[in-house]
Amino acid sequence: MVETSVKPQRRHARRWRTVLLALLAVGFLMAMVLTGKLTETRQLVKFEARGVLAVPPEQVRRVDLHVGEHTITFVRLSDHIWGVGKSQEPISGELQEHLEQAIAFMHTSRPVRMMHRDEYHSTPLHEFGLAPPRCAVALSDARRVLLEASFGADNPQELLQYMQLRGDHNLYLMSRFVGQAWEHLGEHLAWMPTIP
């Protein structure tokens, strides 16, 4: 007789727990619908851009690219349209994508290694392919130059590339794709108007 009175109480408590859990789940779903996002968990790491370009790529309004004896200037005409030279003739979609990607790499890709001046001072810069550099780029906003970088030779393993920033006595080893993005743009210099 005691057994039969305990079983209905357990069933009753179990039902209430189930109803309570269902209400909590519905409440959570309603909160997600109203706020439009999931709650932030500590398991996910927020992305932080730690490249050599401190400002967002959208703030870059002018790019001066030097490859060998050729120099080309790109000017931002609007949010996603770039022009070339003084004529500011819009560039093709593919070339524009490459340009925006190269700028984004400067903002997001951090150096793999930094070599302080005392680590390399006895080695001439031409050993790193930086005198003269393979290519150089200057990124500017509407008022001033934001960043000037020179890209040199690849490291012996051919995974990284030497880079030097103007006004900085350190050398940086960057992932090769950063410098290659600028060099790829430089391949198009042959048919573009040059600026003395």
C-alpha atoms as a PDB file:
ATOM      1  CA  MET A   1       0.000   0.000   0.000  1.00  0.00           C
ATOM      2  CA  VAL A   2       2.887   2.335   0.650  1.00  0.00           C
ATOM      3  CA  GLU A   3       4.311   1.430  -2.750  1.00  0.00           C
ATOM      4  CA  THR A   4       1.251   2.591  -4.652  1.00  0.00           C
ATOM      5  CA  SER A   5       1.174   6.024  -2.943  1.00  0.00           C
ATOM      6  CA  VAL A   6       4.864   6.706  -3.737  1.00  0.00           C
ATOM      7  CA  LYS A   7       4.586   5.877  -7.470  1.00  0.00           C
ATOM      8  CA  PRO A   8       1.942   8.520  -8.291  1.00  0.00           C
ATOM      9  CA  GLN A   9       3.998  11.149  -6.409  1.00  0.00           C
ATOM     10  CA  ARG A  10       7.102  10.300  -8.482  1.00  0.00           C
ATOM     11  CA  ARG A  11       5.100  10.390 -11.698  1.00  0.00           C
ATOM     12  CA  HIS A  12       3.619  13.724 -10.712  1.00  0.00           C
ATOM     13  CA  ALA A  13       7.079  15.185  -9.879  1.00  0.00           C
ATOM     14  CA  ARG A  14       8.499  13.834 -13.157  1.00  0.00           C
ATOM     15  CA  ARG A  15       5.679  15.481 -15.125  1.00  0.00           C
ATOM     16  CA  TRP A  16       6.377  18.846 -13.474  1.00  0.00           C
ATOM     17  CA  ARG A  17      10.089  18.567 -14.258  1.00  0.00           C
ATOM     18  CA  THR A  18       9.307  17.760 -17.896  1.00  0.00           C
ATOM     19  CA  VAL A  19       6.913  20.717 -18.151  1.00  0.00           C
ATOM     20  CA  LEU A  20       9.457  23.017 -16.488  1.00  0.00           C
ATOM     21  CA  LEU A  21      12.267  21.922 -18.873  1.00  0.00           C
ATOM     22  CA  ALA A  22       9.970  22.406 -21.871  1.00  0.00           C
ATOM     23  CA  LEU A  23       9.079  25.915 -20.673  1.00  0.00           C
ATOM     24  CA  LEU A  24      12.764  26.764 -20.216  1.00  0.00           C
ATOM     25  CA  ALA A  25      13.559  25.529 -23.750  1.00  0.00           C
ATOM     26  CA  VAL A  26      10.714  27.576 -25.230  1.00  0.00           C
ATOM     27  CA  GLY A  27      11.868  30.611 -23.246  1.00  0.00           C
ATOM     28  CA  PHE A  28      15.429  30.222 -24.583  1.00  0.00           C
ATOM     29  CA  LEU A  29      14.141  29.938 -28.162  1.00  0.00           C
ATOM     30  CA  MET A  30      11.985  33.034 -27.698  1.00  0.00           C
ATOM     31  CA  ALA A  31      14.980  34.966 -26.360  1.00  0.00           C
ATOM     32  CA  MET A  32      17.016  33.939 -29.434  1.00  0.00           C
ATOM     33  CA  VAL A  33      14.200  35.024 -31.763  1.00  0.00           C
ATOM     34  CA  LEU A  34      13.791  38.387 -30.038  1.00  0.00           C
ATOM     35  CA  THR A  35      17.503  39.232 -29.837  1.00  0.00           C
ATOM     36  CA  GLY A  36      18.390  37.718 -33.197  1.00  0.00           C
ATOM     37  CA  LYS A  37      21.508  35.946 -31.985  1.00  0.00           C
ATOM     38  CA  LEU A  38      22.775  33.066 -29.941  1.00  0.00           C
ATOM     39  CA  THR A  39      24.236  33.707 -26.540  1.00  0.00           C
ATOM     40  CA  GLU A  40      28.011  34.023 -26.565  1.00  0.00           C
ATOM     41  CA  THR A  41      29.897  31.033 -25.234  1.00  0.00           C
ATOM     42  CA  ARG A  42      33.369  31.041 -23.806  1.00  0.00           C
ATOM     43  CA  GLN A  43      34.390  28.163 -26.062  1.00  0.00           C
ATOM     44  CA  LEU A  44      34.464  30.374 -29.155  1.00  0.00           C
ATOM     45  CA  VAL A  45      37.433  32.671 -29.691  1.00  0.00           C
ATOM     46  CA  LYS A  46      36.678  36.086 -31.184  1.00  0.00           C
ATOM     47  CA  PHE A  47      38.752  36.962 -34.234  1.00  0.00           C
ATOM     48  CA  GLU A  48      41.083  39.910 -33.777  1.00  0.00           C
ATOM     49  CA  ALA A  49      42.958  41.367 -36.729  1.00  0.00           C
ATOM     50  CA  ARG A  50      46.620  41.662 -35.778  1.00  0.00           C
ATOM     51  CA  GLY A  51      48.231  42.543 -39.052  1.00  0.00           C
ATOM     52  CA  VAL A  52      50.683  45.368 -39.676  1.00  0.00           C
ATOM     53  CA  LEU A  53      47.926  47.680 -40.948  1.00  0.00           C
ATOM     54  CA  ALA A  54      46.237  48.972 -37.796  1.00  0.00           C
ATOM     55  CA  VAL A  55      43.162  50.534 -39.429  1.00  0.00           C
ATOM     56  CA  PRO A  56      40.334  48.611 -41.149  1.00  0.00           C
ATOM     57  CA  PRO A  57      40.925  48.051 -44.895  1.00  0.00           C
ATOM     58  CA  GLU A  58      37.940  50.276 -45.740  1.00  0.00           C
ATOM     59  CA  GLN A  59      39.903  53.311 -44.519  1.00  0.00           C
ATOM     60  CA  VAL A  60      42.583  52.845 -47.186  1.00  0.00           C
ATOM     61  CA  ARG A  61      41.829  55.349 -49.952  1.00  0.00           C
ATOM     62  CA  ARG A  62      45.047  55.175 -52.000  1.00  0.00           C
ATOM     63  CA  VAL A  63      47.586  52.470 -52.809  1.00  0.00           C
ATOM     64  CA  ASP A  64      50.971  53.161 -54.414  1.00  0.00           C
ATOM     65  CA  LEU A  65      52.530  49.934 -55.656  1.00  0.00           C
ATOM     66  CA  HIS A  66      56.164  49.779 -56.810  1.00  0.00           C
ATOM     67  CA  VAL A  67      57.467  46.718 -58.646  1.00  0.00           C
ATOM     68  CA  GLY A  68      60.876  47.079 -60.263  1.00  0.00           C
ATOM     69  CA  GLU A  69      60.862  50.337 -62.243  1.00  0.00           C
ATOM     70  CA  HIS A  70      57.066  50.443 -62.450  1.00  0.00           C
ATOM     71  CA  THR A  71      54.800  52.376 -60.129  1.00  0.00           C
ATOM     72  CA  ILE A  72      51.029  52.356 -60.175  1.00  0.00           C
ATOM     73  CA  THR A  73      48.556  54.266 -58.043  1.00  0.00           C
ATOM     74  CA  PHE A  74      45.112  52.938 -57.185  1.00  0.00           C
ATOM     75  CA  VAL A  75      42.520  55.354 -55.800  1.00  0.00           C
ATOM     76  CA  ARG A  76      39.293  54.315 -54.064  1.00  0.00           C
ATOM     77  CA  LEU A  77      36.405  55.887 -55.973  1.00  0.00           C
ATOM     78  CA  SER A  78      33.658  54.432 -53.758  1.00  0.00           C
ATOM     79  CA  ASP A  79      33.242  51.599 -51.250  1.00  0.00           C
ATOM     80  CA  HIS A  80      34.114  48.772 -53.641  1.00  0.00           C
ATOM     81  CA  ILE A  81      35.305  50.573 -56.767  1.00  0.00           C
ATOM     82  CA  TRP A  82      38.943  51.415 -57.389  1.00  0.00           C
ATOM     83  CA  GLY A  83      40.387  53.580 -60.133  1.00  0.00           C
ATOM     84  CA  VAL A  84      43.886  53.641 -61.553  1.00  0.00           C
ATOM     85  CA  GLY A  85      46.223  56.591 -61.993  1.00  0.00           C
ATOM     86  CA  LYS A  86      45.283  60.232 -62.369  1.00  0.00           C
ATOM     87  CA  SER A  87      42.539  59.377 -64.851  1.00  0.00           C
ATOM     88  CA  GLN A  88      40.905  57.274 -62.119  1.00  0.00           C
ATOM     89  CA  GLU A  89      39.600  54.856 -64.717  1.00  0.00           C
ATOM     90  CA  PRO A  90      37.842  51.994 -62.852  1.00  0.00           C
ATOM     91  CA  ILE A  91      39.753  48.725 -62.797  1.00  0.00           C
ATOM     92  CA  SER A  92      38.296  45.323 -63.679  1.00  0.00           C
ATOM     93  CA  GLY A  93      36.378  43.272 -61.127  1.00  0.00           C
ATOM     94  CA  GLU A  94      39.047  40.568 -60.828  1.00  0.00           C
ATOM     95  CA  LEU A  95      41.865  43.073 -60.353  1.00  0.00           C
ATOM     96  CA  GLN A  96      39.750  44.962 -57.848  1.00  0.00           C
ATOM     97  CA  GLU A  97      39.183  41.767 -55.832  1.00  0.00           C
ATOM     98  CA  HIS A  98      42.935  41.110 -55.791  1.00  0.00           C
ATOM     99  CA  LEU A  99      43.614  44.660 -54.596  1.00  0.00           C
ATOM    100  CA  GLU A 100      41.059  44.477 -51.788  1.00  0.00           C
ATOM    101  CA  GLN A 101      42.367  41.067 -50.762  1.00  0.00           C
ATOM    102  CA  ALA A 102      45.974  42.329 -50.645  1.00  0.00           C
ATOM    103  CA  ILE A 103      44.916  45.240 -48.423  1.00  0.00           C
ATOM    104  CA  ALA A 104      42.906  42.890 -46.160  1.00  0.00           C
ATOM    105  CA  PHE A 105      45.950  40.610 -45.757  1.00  0.00           C
ATOM    106  CA  MET A 106      47.944  43.567 -44.426  1.00  0.00           C
ATOM    107  CA  HIS A 107      45.238  44.106 -41.797  1.00  0.00           C
ATOM    108  CA  THR A 108      44.593  40.498 -40.761  1.00  0.00           C
ATOM    109  CA  SER A 109      47.902  38.638 -41.211  1.00  0.00           C
ATOM    110  CA  ARG A 110      50.301  39.071 -38.352  1.00  0.00           C
ATOM    111  CA  PRO A 111      54.048  38.586 -38.782  1.00  0.00           C
ATOM    112  CA  VAL A 112      55.234  35.063 -38.043  1.00  0.00           C
ATOM    113  CA  ARG A 113      58.480  36.387 -36.595  1.00  0.00           C
ATOM    114  CA  MET A 114      60.090  39.731 -35.856  1.00  0.00           C
ATOM    115  CA  MET A 115      63.868  40.099 -36.115  1.00  0.00           C
ATOM    116  CA  HIS A 116      65.285  42.916 -34.001  1.00  0.00           C
ATOM    117  CA  ARG A 117      67.991  45.053 -35.587  1.00  0.00           C
ATOM    118  CA  ASP A 118      70.714  43.502 -33.424  1.00  0.00           C
ATOM    119  CA  GLU A 119      69.831  40.059 -34.865  1.00  0.00           C
ATOM    120  CA  TYR A 120      70.565  41.032 -38.461  1.00  0.00           C
ATOM    121  CA  HIS A 121      72.711  44.207 -38.307  1.00  0.00           C
ATOM    122  CA  SER A 122      75.813  42.439 -39.659  1.00  0.00           C
ATOM    123  CA  THR A 123      73.896  41.085 -42.690  1.00  0.00           C
ATOM    124  CA  PRO A 124      73.335  43.504 -45.589  1.00  0.00           C
ATOM    125  CA  LEU A 125      69.710  44.070 -46.602  1.00  0.00           C
ATOM    126  CA  HIS A 126      70.288  42.682 -50.113  1.00  0.00           C
ATOM    127  CA  GLU A 127      70.753  39.263 -48.470  1.00  0.00           C
ATOM    128  CA  PHE A 128      67.085  39.486 -47.474  1.00  0.00           C
ATOM    129  CA  GLY A 129      66.064  40.723 -50.929  1.00  0.00           C
ATOM    130  CA  LEU A 130      65.274  44.180 -49.562  1.00  0.00           C
ATOM    131  CA  ALA A 131      67.917  46.300 -51.308  1.00  0.00           C
ATOM    132  CA  PRO A 132      66.197  46.777 -53.663  1.00  0.00           C
ATOM    133  CA  PRO A 133      62.927  45.112 -52.601  1.00  0.00           C
ATOM    134  CA  ARG A 134      60.947  42.817 -54.906  1.00  0.00           C
ATOM    135  CA  CYS A 135      57.968  45.105 -54.400  1.00  0.00           C
ATOM    136  CA  ALA A 136      56.916  47.944 -52.120  1.00  0.00           C
ATOM    137  CA  VAL A 137      53.523  49.321 -51.227  1.00  0.00           C
ATOM    138  CA  ALA A 138      52.291  52.507 -49.541  1.00  0.00           C
ATOM    139  CA  LEU A 139      48.754  52.573 -48.136  1.00  0.00           C
ATOM    140  CA  SER A 140      47.165  55.953 -47.412  1.00  0.00           C
ATOM    141  CA  ASP A 141      43.881  57.338 -46.176  1.00  0.00           C
ATOM    142  CA  ALA A 142      42.545  60.725 -47.278  1.00  0.00           C
ATOM    143  CA  ARG A 143      45.118  62.640 -45.168  1.00  0.00           C
ATOM    144  CA  ARG A 144      48.290  60.634 -44.622  1.00  0.00           C
ATOM    145  CA  VAL A 145      50.341  57.521 -45.338  1.00  0.00           C
ATOM    146  CA  LEU A 146      49.165  54.729 -43.030  1.00  0.00           C
ATOM    147  CA  LEU A 147      51.790  52.116 -43.849  1.00  0.00           C
ATOM    148  CA  GLU A 148      54.754  51.592 -46.162  1.00  0.00           C
ATOM    149  CA  ALA A 149      56.040  48.046 -46.572  1.00  0.00           C
ATOM    150  CA  SER A 150      58.800  46.498 -48.672  1.00  0.00           C
ATOM    151  CA  PHE A 151      58.796  42.799 -49.529  1.00  0.00           C
ATOM    152  CA  GLY A 152      62.027  40.908 -50.150  1.00  0.00           C
ATOM    153  CA  ALA A 153      63.194  37.353 -50.667  1.00  0.00           C
ATOM    154  CA  ASP A 154      61.603  34.172 -49.380  1.00  0.00           C
ATOM    155  CA  ASN A 155      63.154  32.435 -46.393  1.00  0.00           C
ATOM    156  CA  PRO A 156      65.182  29.258 -47.116  1.00  0.00           C
ATOM    157  CA  GLN A 157      62.129  27.013 -46.534  1.00  0.00           C
ATOM    158  CA  GLU A 158      60.153  29.183 -49.009  1.00  0.00           C
ATOM    159  CA  LEU A 159      57.177  29.456 -46.649  1.00  0.00           C
ATOM    160  CA  LEU A 160      57.787  32.981 -45.401  1.00  0.00           C
ATOM    161  CA  GLN A 161      58.958  36.255 -46.933  1.00  0.00           C
ATOM    162  CA  TYR A 162      61.081  39.067 -45.478  1.00  0.00           C
ATOM    163  CA  MET A 163      59.301  42.373 -45.021  1.00  0.00           C
ATOM    164  CA  GLN A 164      60.450  45.752 -43.752  1.00  0.00           C
ATOM    165  CA  LEU A 165      58.242  48.644 -42.656  1.00  0.00           C
ATOM    166  CA  ARG A 166      59.299  52.231 -43.203  1.00  0.00           C
ATOM    167  CA  GLY A 167      60.360  53.884 -39.952  1.00  0.00           C
ATOM    168  CA  ASP A 168      60.825  50.496 -38.254  1.00  0.00           C
ATOM    169  CA  HIS A 169      64.323  49.023 -37.877  1.00  0.00           C
ATOM    170  CA  ASN A 170      63.036  45.488 -37.353  1.00  0.00           C
ATOM    171  CA  LEU A 171      62.630  42.892 -40.095  1.00  0.00           C
ATOM    172  CA  TYR A 172      59.525  40.741 -40.269  1.00  0.00           C
ATOM    173  CA  LEU A 173      58.881  37.292 -41.619  1.00  0.00           C
ATOM    174  CA  MET A 174      55.412  37.203 -43.140  1.00  0.00           C
ATOM    175  CA  SER A 175      53.474  34.354 -44.686  1.00  0.00           C
ATOM    176  CA  ARG A 176      54.357  34.311 -48.389  1.00  0.00           C
ATOM    177  CA  PHE A 177      50.787  34.846 -49.544  1.00  0.00           C
ATOM    178  CA  VAL A 178      50.851  38.440 -48.197  1.00  0.00           C
ATOM    179  CA  GLY A 179      53.698  39.587 -50.452  1.00  0.00           C
ATOM    180  CA  GLN A 180      52.528  37.374 -53.310  1.00  0.00           C
ATOM    181  CA  ALA A 181      49.198  39.218 -53.345  1.00  0.00           C
ATOM    182  CA  TRP A 182      51.049  42.472 -54.092  1.00  0.00           C
ATOM    183  CA  GLU A 183      53.378  40.812 -56.588  1.00  0.00           C
ATOM    184  CA  HIS A 184      50.362  39.384 -58.411  1.00  0.00           C
ATOM    185  CA  LEU A 185      48.981  42.909 -58.736  1.00  0.00           C
ATOM    186  CA  GLY A 186      52.402  43.977 -60.008  1.00  0.00           C
ATOM    187  CA  GLU A 187      52.085  41.496 -62.883  1.00  0.00           C
ATOM    188  CA  HIS A 188      49.351  43.756 -64.264  1.00  0.00           C
ATOM    189  CA  LEU A 189      51.632  46.818 -64.304  1.00  0.00           C
ATOM    190  CA  ALA A 190      52.853  46.138 -67.835  1.00  0.00           C
ATOM    191  CA  TRP A 191      49.584  47.300 -69.410  1.00  0.00           C
ATOM    192  CA  MET A 192      48.711  50.023 -66.897  1.00  0.00           C
ATOM    193  CA  PRO A 193      49.873  53.654 -67.144  1.00  0.00           C
ATOM    194  CA  THR A 194      52.920  54.305 -65.004  1.00  0.00           C
ATOM    195  CA  ILE A 195      53.538  57.315 -62.825  1.00  0.00           C
ATOM    196  CA  PRO A 196      57.080  58.739 -62.700  1.00  0.00           C
END
